[in-house]
């Protein structure tokens, strides 16, 4: 009888522990990871107008200039456009909220991020604390991925200047939203819906030789951290007479 009672209690305790571990695993996407960060070795407040993500001048101003280069988090370009909350861990200098940055470039440093000066000083509690952080140059941080949000902005695409209709099409996806990666892109003819899978040239630059003709419907495959996938189809099509340098509003936002 005592053995039976003990076994029931043991099973109950083990079950509670397993449930706790499952719960902790389910929320690990909200956990912070420890690392280090530095800032751009110049006095520029914003990002650069070039980089491994292919954003051009857009990459210098997105998110108000609160951007960063990433090392491992670049993920061969898949990490471009991802948003991260970064907090430094010095309680005397650092604010509790930290700063939210967008990945716009690849770069190697003493940790996972090289931040713009603007974003870096945003980690501090006060102006004096910001000066101290700048003097340190490299600081201990913790970070987690968060959803990107651009109020009143839809996802847009910028036709790259190297594009040459109708033989070659390249474009960059701007204002990537939510907490998902864009893992595949298709272009479809709107008349007969024949689709073509595009190549990721580098960063967030998608390309194809001999693109479909006519107005084009864009499809993007979103993949979350758990591997769940969803195709989204923008409301607006790319017009038949698309031109290099043009910017087109897809008409969609992603939560």
Protein backbone atom coordinates (compact mmCIF):
# COMPACT_ATOMS: atom_id res chain seq x y z
CA UNK A 1 0.00 0.00 0.00
CA UNK A 2 2.77 2.42 0.96
CA UNK A 3 4.71 1.48 -2.17
CA UNK A 4 1.66 2.09 -4.32
CA UNK A 5 1.09 5.49 -2.71
CA UNK A 6 4.74 6.43 -3.15
CA UNK A 7 4.64 5.43 -6.82
CA UNK A 8 1.56 7.56 -7.45
CA UNK A 9 3.19 10.56 -5.81
CA UNK A 10 6.38 10.00 -7.80
CA UNK A 11 4.49 9.82 -11.07
CA UNK A 12 2.63 12.99 -10.13
CA UNK A 13 5.86 14.87 -9.35
CA UNK A 14 7.54 13.66 -12.53
CA UNK A 15 4.51 14.73 -14.53
CA UNK A 16 4.67 18.21 -13.00
CA UNK A 17 8.38 18.47 -13.82
CA UNK A 18 7.78 17.40 -17.41
CA UNK A 19 4.96 19.92 -17.75
CA UNK A 20 7.25 22.63 -16.39
CA UNK A 21 9.97 21.74 -18.88
CA UNK A 22 7.47 21.75 -21.75
CA UNK A 23 6.21 25.15 -20.60
CA UNK A 24 9.73 26.53 -20.39
CA UNK A 25 10.53 25.14 -23.85
CA UNK A 26 7.36 26.67 -25.28
CA UNK A 27 8.39 30.14 -24.12
CA UNK A 28 12.09 29.90 -24.99
CA UNK A 29 11.49 32.09 -28.03
CA UNK A 30 10.93 34.92 -25.55
CA UNK A 31 14.18 34.24 -23.68
CA UNK A 32 17.18 36.56 -23.89
CA UNK A 33 20.58 35.32 -25.10
CA UNK A 34 23.80 36.70 -23.66
CA UNK A 35 26.39 38.14 -26.02
CA UNK A 36 28.46 41.27 -26.66
CA UNK A 37 27.99 44.30 -28.90
CA UNK A 38 30.07 47.14 -30.29
CA UNK A 39 29.23 50.28 -32.26
CA UNK A 40 30.27 51.59 -35.66
CA UNK A 41 33.82 52.99 -35.40
CA UNK A 42 32.80 56.45 -36.61
CA UNK A 43 30.54 59.29 -35.61
CA UNK A 44 27.65 58.43 -37.93
CA UNK A 45 24.30 58.35 -36.16
CA UNK A 46 22.61 56.18 -38.77
CA UNK A 47 23.55 53.09 -40.71
CA UNK A 48 25.48 52.84 -43.96
CA UNK A 49 24.02 53.19 -47.45
CA UNK A 50 25.53 49.89 -48.57
CA UNK A 51 25.86 46.43 -47.08
CA UNK A 52 25.39 42.71 -47.42
CA UNK A 53 21.60 42.90 -47.21
CA UNK A 54 21.27 44.98 -50.37
CA UNK A 55 19.10 47.72 -48.85
CA UNK A 56 21.16 50.64 -50.12
CA UNK A 57 20.22 54.03 -48.68
CA UNK A 58 17.06 52.50 -47.21
CA UNK A 59 19.25 50.51 -44.82
CA UNK A 60 20.67 53.69 -43.32
CA UNK A 61 17.33 55.19 -42.31
CA UNK A 62 14.96 52.30 -41.58
CA UNK A 63 13.78 52.22 -37.95
CA UNK A 64 15.06 55.77 -37.55
CA UNK A 65 18.63 54.59 -38.02
CA UNK A 66 18.47 52.09 -35.14
CA UNK A 67 20.12 49.29 -37.12
CA UNK A 68 22.97 46.85 -36.69
CA UNK A 69 25.23 44.48 -38.53
CA UNK A 70 25.11 40.84 -37.49
CA UNK A 71 27.60 38.01 -37.59
CA UNK A 72 26.03 34.57 -37.12
CA UNK A 73 22.54 36.08 -37.04
CA UNK A 74 23.01 37.21 -40.66
CA UNK A 75 22.36 33.56 -41.62
CA UNK A 76 23.49 33.87 -45.24
CA UNK A 77 21.08 36.76 -45.75
CA UNK A 78 18.04 35.11 -44.20
CA UNK A 79 18.47 37.31 -41.12
CA UNK A 80 18.23 40.57 -43.07
CA UNK A 81 15.29 42.65 -41.90
CA UNK A 82 14.91 40.76 -38.61
CA UNK A 83 14.34 42.86 -35.47
CA UNK A 84 16.02 42.34 -32.11
CA UNK A 85 15.59 43.88 -28.70
CA UNK A 86 19.01 44.49 -27.19
CA UNK A 87 19.72 45.38 -23.57
CA UNK A 88 23.12 45.98 -22.01
CA UNK A 89 23.57 44.38 -18.62
CA UNK A 90 25.35 47.08 -16.59
CA UNK A 91 22.62 48.11 -14.14
CA UNK A 92 24.25 51.47 -13.45
CA UNK A 93 24.46 52.54 -17.10
CA UNK A 94 21.79 50.63 -19.00
CA UNK A 95 18.07 51.21 -19.39
CA UNK A 96 15.65 48.39 -18.77
CA UNK A 97 14.07 48.61 -22.23
CA UNK A 98 17.27 48.84 -24.26
CA UNK A 99 16.92 49.41 -28.01
CA UNK A 100 15.22 47.65 -30.90
CA UNK A 101 17.41 47.26 -33.98
CA UNK A 102 16.93 45.97 -37.52
CA UNK A 103 19.61 43.82 -39.17
CA UNK A 104 20.76 45.55 -42.35
CA UNK A 105 24.30 44.26 -42.91
CA UNK A 106 26.80 41.53 -42.10
CA UNK A 107 29.83 42.25 -39.98
CA UNK A 108 32.22 40.45 -37.64
CA UNK A 109 32.97 41.87 -34.23
CA UNK A 110 33.48 40.89 -30.61
CA UNK A 111 29.89 39.65 -30.39
CA UNK A 112 26.68 39.24 -32.34
CA UNK A 113 26.03 42.91 -33.15
CA UNK A 114 27.78 46.06 -34.34
CA UNK A 115 25.25 48.82 -33.74
CA UNK A 116 24.93 52.31 -35.10
CA UNK A 117 25.92 55.03 -32.68
CA UNK A 118 22.27 56.09 -32.41
CA UNK A 119 21.13 52.59 -31.40
CA UNK A 120 24.12 52.04 -29.13
CA UNK A 121 23.55 55.14 -27.01
CA UNK A 122 19.86 54.18 -26.87
CA UNK A 123 20.87 51.37 -24.51
CA UNK A 124 21.84 53.89 -21.81
CA UNK A 125 19.76 55.42 -19.02
CA UNK A 126 21.09 58.97 -19.41
CA UNK A 127 23.32 61.08 -21.65
CA UNK A 128 26.22 60.66 -19.19
CA UNK A 129 25.68 56.90 -19.18
CA UNK A 130 25.66 56.94 -23.00
CA UNK A 131 29.05 58.67 -23.01
CA UNK A 132 30.38 55.97 -20.70
CA UNK A 133 29.08 53.21 -22.98
CA UNK A 134 30.70 54.85 -26.00
CA UNK A 135 33.98 55.04 -24.12
CA UNK A 136 33.81 51.31 -23.35
CA UNK A 137 33.38 50.48 -27.04
CA UNK A 138 32.35 46.88 -26.38
CA UNK A 139 29.73 45.88 -23.84
CA UNK A 140 27.97 42.80 -22.52
CA UNK A 141 24.39 42.52 -23.74
CA UNK A 142 21.41 40.23 -23.90
CA UNK A 143 19.08 40.04 -26.89
CA UNK A 144 16.00 38.35 -28.27
CA UNK A 145 14.20 38.45 -31.57
CA UNK A 146 11.02 40.53 -31.62
CA UNK A 147 8.35 41.26 -34.19
CA UNK A 148 9.11 44.10 -36.60
CA UNK A 149 6.39 46.73 -36.77
CA UNK A 150 6.13 49.65 -39.17
CA UNK A 151 2.88 51.51 -38.50
CA UNK A 152 1.11 52.76 -41.62
CA UNK A 153 3.66 50.95 -43.81
CA UNK A 154 2.96 48.02 -46.09
CA UNK A 155 5.61 45.62 -47.34
CA UNK A 156 7.16 47.19 -50.43
CA UNK A 157 9.59 46.08 -53.09
CA UNK A 158 12.28 48.18 -54.73
CA UNK A 159 13.26 47.15 -58.27
CA UNK A 160 17.05 47.04 -58.39
CA UNK A 161 18.80 49.38 -60.80
CA UNK A 162 20.51 46.39 -62.41
CA UNK A 163 17.16 45.07 -63.63
CA UNK A 164 16.57 45.03 -67.38
CA UNK A 165 13.04 44.37 -68.57
CA UNK A 166 12.06 41.90 -69.83
CA UNK A 167 15.28 39.89 -69.51
CA UNK A 168 16.31 40.23 -65.86
CA UNK A 169 14.49 41.25 -62.69
CA UNK A 170 15.97 41.88 -59.25
CA UNK A 171 14.29 43.50 -56.29
CA UNK A 172 14.65 44.11 -52.57
CA UNK A 173 11.85 43.51 -50.06
CA UNK A 174 11.40 46.42 -47.65
CA UNK A 175 9.52 46.78 -44.36
CA UNK A 176 9.61 43.07 -43.56
CA UNK A 177 7.13 42.71 -40.72
CA UNK A 178 6.36 40.33 -37.92
CA UNK A 179 8.73 37.75 -36.50
CA UNK A 180 9.05 35.50 -39.55
CA UNK A 181 11.76 34.87 -42.12
CA UNK A 182 11.03 35.24 -45.83
CA UNK A 183 12.37 31.89 -47.01
CA UNK A 184 11.08 31.80 -50.60
CA UNK A 185 9.59 34.15 -53.18
CA UNK A 186 7.59 33.38 -56.31
CA UNK A 187 6.45 35.50 -59.23
CA UNK A 188 3.27 34.41 -60.97
CA UNK A 189 1.66 35.51 -64.22
CA UNK A 190 -1.72 36.94 -63.31
CA UNK A 191 -3.35 35.68 -66.50
CA UNK A 192 -2.59 31.95 -66.34
CA UNK A 193 -0.95 31.83 -62.88
CA UNK A 194 2.25 30.14 -64.05
CA UNK A 195 4.72 30.74 -61.22
CA UNK A 196 8.49 30.95 -61.07
CA UNK A 197 10.60 30.48 -57.94
CA UNK A 198 13.17 33.26 -57.54
CA UNK A 199 16.79 33.04 -56.40
CA UNK A 200 18.12 34.81 -53.33
CA UNK A 201 21.08 36.59 -54.87
CA UNK A 202 22.33 37.88 -51.53
CA UNK A 203 20.80 39.40 -48.43
CA UNK A 204 17.23 40.31 -49.28
CA UNK A 205 17.84 40.70 -53.02
CA UNK A 206 15.68 38.31 -55.08
CA UNK A 207 16.43 37.75 -58.76
CA UNK A 208 15.36 35.89 -61.87
CA UNK A 209 16.42 35.73 -65.49
CA UNK A 210 13.57 35.69 -68.02
CA UNK A 211 10.89 36.81 -65.55
CA UNK A 212 7.24 36.04 -66.32
CA UNK A 213 5.51 38.53 -68.63
CA UNK A 214 2.59 40.82 -67.96
CA UNK A 215 1.34 42.01 -64.57
CA UNK A 216 2.98 39.87 -61.91
CA UNK A 217 1.60 38.50 -58.66
CA UNK A 218 4.15 38.18 -55.86
CA UNK A 219 4.05 35.32 -53.36
CA UNK A 220 6.24 35.17 -50.24
CA UNK A 221 6.79 32.17 -47.99
CA UNK A 222 6.97 33.14 -44.31
CA UNK A 223 8.62 30.72 -41.88
CA UNK A 224 8.55 31.16 -38.12
CA UNK A 225 11.01 29.98 -35.48
CA UNK A 226 9.12 26.70 -35.07
CA UNK A 227 9.37 25.92 -38.79
CA UNK A 228 5.70 26.64 -39.55
CA UNK A 229 5.24 28.02 -43.07
CA UNK A 230 2.65 30.22 -44.71
CA UNK A 231 2.43 31.69 -48.20
CA UNK A 232 1.12 35.24 -48.40
CA UNK A 233 -0.10 36.89 -51.59
CA UNK A 234 0.05 40.70 -51.75
CA UNK A 235 -3.03 42.64 -52.81
CA UNK A 236 -1.26 44.71 -55.44
CA UNK A 237 0.47 43.28 -58.50
CA UNK A 238 3.74 44.38 -60.07
CA UNK A 239 2.68 46.20 -63.25
CA UNK A 240 3.49 44.94 -66.72
CA UNK A 241 5.73 47.94 -67.41
CA UNK A 242 7.90 47.67 -64.27
CA UNK A 243 11.09 49.71 -64.39
CA UNK A 244 14.44 49.66 -62.63
CA UNK A 245 14.41 51.90 -59.58
CA UNK A 246 10.64 51.83 -59.11
CA UNK A 247 9.07 51.08 -55.72
CA UNK A 248 5.82 49.13 -55.51
CA UNK A 249 3.50 48.85 -52.51
CA UNK A 250 2.24 45.29 -52.00
CA UNK A 251 -0.78 46.48 -50.04
CA UNK A 252 -0.23 43.99 -47.19
CA UNK A 253 1.00 44.05 -43.63
CA UNK A 254 2.07 41.04 -41.59
CA UNK A 255 1.50 40.82 -37.84
